[in-house]
Amino acid sequence: MRVKKRTEGAEQVADIEAARKAFERYDLNGDGQITAAEYKSVMAQLGDPYVTEPVAQAVINAHDSNGDGLLTFDEFWAAQNKSGEKTA
């Protein structure tokens, strides 16, 4: 059982590192926050030119726990964990 706990911990470290890389891809100016404009821009680069800034803001607002209209890494990470729990 201890081996399983260690493996789960290692998986979480790997997951958080992957999430950090994904977050950094969206945080175009490197200020530690994702804006609607950054989100929209990255979605267009990924092949979804239909994400407008208001849509991007709505996505951010859905996960913005402090209500500042921006997405921090902690909020991004929490959103990743919530979406994983819903599908599990």
Protein backbone atom coordinates (compact mmCIF):
# COMPACT_ATOMS: atom_id res chain seq x y z
CA MET A 1 0.00 0.00 0.00
CA ARG A 2 2.85 2.40 0.68
CA VAL A 3 4.11 1.92 -2.85
CA LYS A 4 0.73 3.00 -4.16
CA LYS A 5 0.83 6.17 -2.05
CA ARG A 6 4.28 7.02 -3.36
CA THR A 7 3.13 6.41 -6.91
CA GLU A 8 0.08 8.63 -6.40
CA GLY A 9 2.35 11.38 -5.06
CA ALA A 10 4.66 11.06 -8.05
CA GLU A 11 1.67 11.19 -10.39
CA GLN A 12 0.45 14.36 -8.71
CA VAL A 13 3.89 15.97 -9.11
CA ALA A 14 3.87 15.01 -12.78
CA ASP A 15 0.32 16.31 -13.14
CA ILE A 16 1.12 19.64 -11.50
CA GLU A 17 4.20 20.03 -13.70
CA ALA A 18 2.09 19.35 -16.82
CA ALA A 19 -0.52 21.81 -15.56
CA ARG A 20 2.20 24.43 -14.97
CA LYS A 21 3.42 24.01 -18.56
CA ALA A 22 -0.14 24.31 -19.89
CA PHE A 23 -0.73 27.40 -17.74
CA GLU A 24 2.48 28.98 -19.01
CA ARG A 25 1.34 28.44 -22.59
CA TYR A 26 -1.75 30.57 -21.90
CA ASP A 27 0.07 33.17 -19.78
CA LEU A 28 1.61 34.89 -22.77
CA ASN A 29 3.22 37.80 -20.92
CA GLY A 30 4.45 35.66 -18.01
CA ASP A 31 2.80 37.74 -15.28
CA GLY A 32 1.26 34.72 -13.54
CA GLN A 33 -2.29 35.47 -14.66
CA ILE A 34 -4.31 34.49 -17.72
CA THR A 35 -6.43 37.27 -19.21
CA ALA A 36 -9.35 36.84 -21.58
CA ALA A 37 -7.20 38.26 -24.40
CA GLU A 38 -4.45 35.71 -23.71
CA TYR A 39 -6.96 32.86 -23.56
CA LYS A 40 -8.57 33.97 -26.82
CA SER A 41 -5.18 34.28 -28.53
CA VAL A 42 -4.00 30.81 -27.50
CA MET A 43 -7.30 29.22 -28.48
CA ALA A 44 -6.91 30.78 -31.93
CA GLN A 45 -3.35 29.39 -32.14
CA LEU A 46 -4.73 25.97 -31.20
CA GLY A 47 -7.19 26.15 -34.09
CA ASP A 48 -10.32 27.62 -32.47
CA PRO A 49 -10.73 31.11 -33.95
CA TYR A 50 -14.35 31.28 -32.77
CA VAL A 51 -13.53 31.96 -29.11
CA THR A 52 -14.34 35.62 -28.68
CA GLU A 53 -13.04 37.72 -25.82
CA PRO A 54 -16.44 37.66 -24.04
CA VAL A 55 -16.49 33.85 -24.33
CA ALA A 56 -12.92 33.69 -23.03
CA GLN A 57 -13.89 35.92 -20.12
CA ALA A 58 -16.84 33.67 -19.32
CA VAL A 59 -14.53 30.64 -19.23
CA ILE A 60 -12.15 32.47 -16.90
CA ASN A 61 -14.99 33.74 -14.70
CA ALA A 62 -16.24 30.17 -14.24
CA HIS A 63 -12.96 29.30 -12.48
CA ASP A 64 -11.99 32.68 -11.02
CA SER A 65 -12.30 32.11 -7.29
CA ASN A 66 -11.32 35.62 -6.19
CA GLY A 67 -13.44 37.50 -8.74
CA ASP A 68 -10.65 39.61 -10.27
CA GLY A 69 -11.44 38.51 -13.84
CA LEU A 70 -8.07 36.79 -14.20
CA LEU A 71 -6.97 33.19 -13.81
CA THR A 72 -4.01 32.43 -11.53
CA PHE A 73 -2.18 29.12 -11.53
CA ASP A 74 -3.91 28.08 -8.30
CA GLU A 75 -7.32 28.71 -9.90
CA PHE A 76 -6.21 26.91 -13.08
CA TRP A 77 -4.97 23.93 -11.02
CA ALA A 78 -8.19 23.80 -9.01
CA ALA A 79 -10.20 23.82 -12.25
CA GLN A 80 -8.09 20.94 -13.62
CA ASN A 81 -8.72 18.90 -10.49
CA LYS A 82 -12.47 19.62 -10.54
CA SER A 83 -12.77 18.55 -14.17
CA GLY A 84 -10.86 15.35 -13.37
CA GLU A 85 -13.19 14.56 -10.49
CA LYS A 86 -16.30 15.00 -12.63
CA THR A 87 -15.14 12.44 -15.20
CA ALA A 88 -13.80 9.91 -12.70
